């Protein structure tokens, strides 16, 4: 059973696409809990697990970190919030970070190259 300190099942149902905490990777959820504690702010998830089929339907590879339950997009509506999330991620050793205008992507998929990118 996948568990999390700061994240409840209902939050995953609101993600796009809707998913379940049980589809996530436990080690990633431990990292996401640590990120929440380190950032010191609530983290609102906008996307977490995505099936391979859903990912492919959006023109993606279907093999990304979201399809393994090792990624989340976190809502971000200010530069101050964005900075807190990115600083906390780096402090925790997260080496895959995507920065967009309305969210920050974090993942721990070691099969993919490290980097910080923009959307």
Protein backbone atom coordinates (compact mmCIF):
# COMPACT_ATOMS: atom_id res chain seq x y z
CA UNK A 1 0.00 0.00 0.00
CA UNK A 2 1.44 3.36 -1.07
CA UNK A 3 1.34 5.97 1.70
CA UNK A 4 2.06 9.68 2.01
CA UNK A 5 2.24 12.07 4.92
CA UNK A 6 1.02 15.22 3.18
CA UNK A 7 -0.96 13.93 0.19
CA UNK A 8 -4.42 12.34 0.26
CA UNK A 9 -6.18 10.17 -2.29
CA UNK A 10 -8.63 12.97 -3.18
CA UNK A 11 -5.77 15.15 -4.44
CA UNK A 12 -4.85 12.53 -7.03
CA UNK A 13 -8.45 12.32 -8.24
CA UNK A 14 -8.24 16.08 -9.09
CA UNK A 15 -5.11 15.61 -11.22
CA UNK A 16 -5.27 15.66 -15.01
CA UNK A 17 -5.67 12.88 -15.82
CA UNK A 18 -7.34 11.64 -12.67
CA UNK A 19 -5.24 9.00 -10.93
CA UNK A 20 -4.71 7.28 -7.59
CA UNK A 21 -2.09 7.48 -4.87
CA UNK A 22 -1.81 3.71 -5.30
CA UNK A 23 -0.45 4.19 -8.84
CA UNK A 24 2.50 6.20 -7.52
CA UNK A 25 5.96 4.90 -6.62
CA UNK A 26 6.52 4.77 -2.84
CA UNK A 27 10.07 6.13 -3.01
CA UNK A 28 8.83 9.06 -5.11
CA UNK A 29 6.04 9.77 -2.62
CA UNK A 30 8.62 9.79 0.19
CA UNK A 31 10.58 12.36 -1.84
CA UNK A 32 7.43 14.41 -2.50
CA UNK A 33 6.65 14.44 1.24
CA UNK A 34 10.22 15.59 1.92
CA UNK A 35 9.84 18.29 -0.75
CA UNK A 36 6.67 19.55 0.94
CA UNK A 37 8.43 19.70 4.31
CA UNK A 38 11.55 21.38 2.87
CA UNK A 39 9.59 23.98 0.88
CA UNK A 40 7.42 24.80 3.87
CA UNK A 41 4.35 25.42 1.71
CA UNK A 42 1.41 23.30 0.60
CA UNK A 43 2.00 21.57 -2.73
CA UNK A 44 -1.03 21.26 -5.00
CA UNK A 45 -0.63 18.51 -7.56
CA UNK A 46 -1.99 19.14 -11.05
CA UNK A 47 -0.66 15.95 -12.67
CA UNK A 48 0.87 12.79 -11.22
CA UNK A 49 0.47 9.26 -12.65
CA UNK A 50 -0.40 9.03 -16.34
CA UNK A 51 -1.03 5.79 -18.19
CA UNK A 52 1.14 5.05 -21.19
CA UNK A 53 -1.93 5.21 -23.43
CA UNK A 54 -2.96 8.63 -22.08
CA UNK A 55 0.58 9.93 -22.47
CA UNK A 56 0.76 8.70 -26.08
CA UNK A 57 -2.64 10.25 -26.86
CA UNK A 58 -1.09 13.62 -26.01
CA UNK A 59 1.82 13.09 -28.42
CA UNK A 60 4.32 11.96 -25.80
CA UNK A 61 6.45 8.81 -25.76
CA UNK A 62 4.36 6.88 -23.23
CA UNK A 63 7.52 6.01 -21.29
CA UNK A 64 8.12 9.17 -19.23
CA UNK A 65 8.47 9.44 -15.48
CA UNK A 66 4.74 10.13 -15.01
CA UNK A 67 3.96 6.68 -16.48
CA UNK A 68 6.08 5.09 -13.75
CA UNK A 69 4.52 7.04 -10.87
CA UNK A 70 7.82 8.87 -10.36
CA UNK A 71 6.75 12.40 -11.35
CA UNK A 72 4.37 15.16 -10.39
CA UNK A 73 3.48 18.60 -11.63
CA UNK A 74 2.96 21.06 -8.79
CA UNK A 75 0.74 24.12 -9.25
CA UNK A 76 2.68 27.33 -9.05
CA UNK A 77 1.16 30.78 -9.48
CA UNK A 78 3.94 33.09 -8.30
CA UNK A 79 7.68 33.44 -8.72
CA UNK A 80 8.15 33.23 -4.94
CA UNK A 81 6.38 29.86 -4.83
CA UNK A 82 8.31 28.65 -7.86
CA UNK A 83 11.60 29.58 -6.16
CA UNK A 84 10.66 27.75 -2.94
CA UNK A 85 9.78 24.58 -4.83
CA UNK A 86 12.92 24.61 -7.01
CA UNK A 87 15.24 25.43 -4.09
CA UNK A 88 13.72 22.65 -1.99
CA UNK A 89 13.97 20.17 -4.89
CA UNK A 90 17.64 20.96 -5.44
CA UNK A 91 18.37 20.75 -1.70
CA UNK A 92 16.86 17.25 -1.70
CA UNK A 93 18.95 16.14 -4.64
CA UNK A 94 16.13 16.09 -7.19
CA UNK A 95 17.89 16.39 -10.54
CA UNK A 96 14.95 16.47 -12.96
CA UNK A 97 12.98 19.72 -12.77
CA UNK A 98 10.77 21.36 -15.38
CA UNK A 99 9.63 24.95 -14.92
CA UNK A 100 6.48 26.32 -16.55
CA UNK A 101 4.41 29.43 -15.99
CA UNK A 102 1.78 27.61 -13.94
CA UNK A 103 3.56 24.54 -12.56
CA UNK A 104 6.87 22.97 -11.60
CA UNK A 105 7.55 19.38 -12.66
CA UNK A 106 9.70 17.18 -10.42
CA UNK A 107 10.66 13.57 -11.01
CA UNK A 108 13.10 10.96 -9.77
CA UNK A 109 13.35 8.70 -12.81
CA UNK A 110 17.02 7.71 -12.86
CA UNK A 111 16.66 6.15 -16.32
CA UNK A 112 16.23 9.65 -17.79
CA UNK A 113 18.92 12.34 -18.02
CA UNK A 114 19.31 14.96 -15.29
CA UNK A 115 18.37 18.49 -16.17
CA UNK A 116 16.33 21.59 -15.57
CA UNK A 117 14.15 22.65 -18.48
CA UNK A 118 11.42 25.12 -19.34
CA UNK A 119 8.13 24.54 -21.13
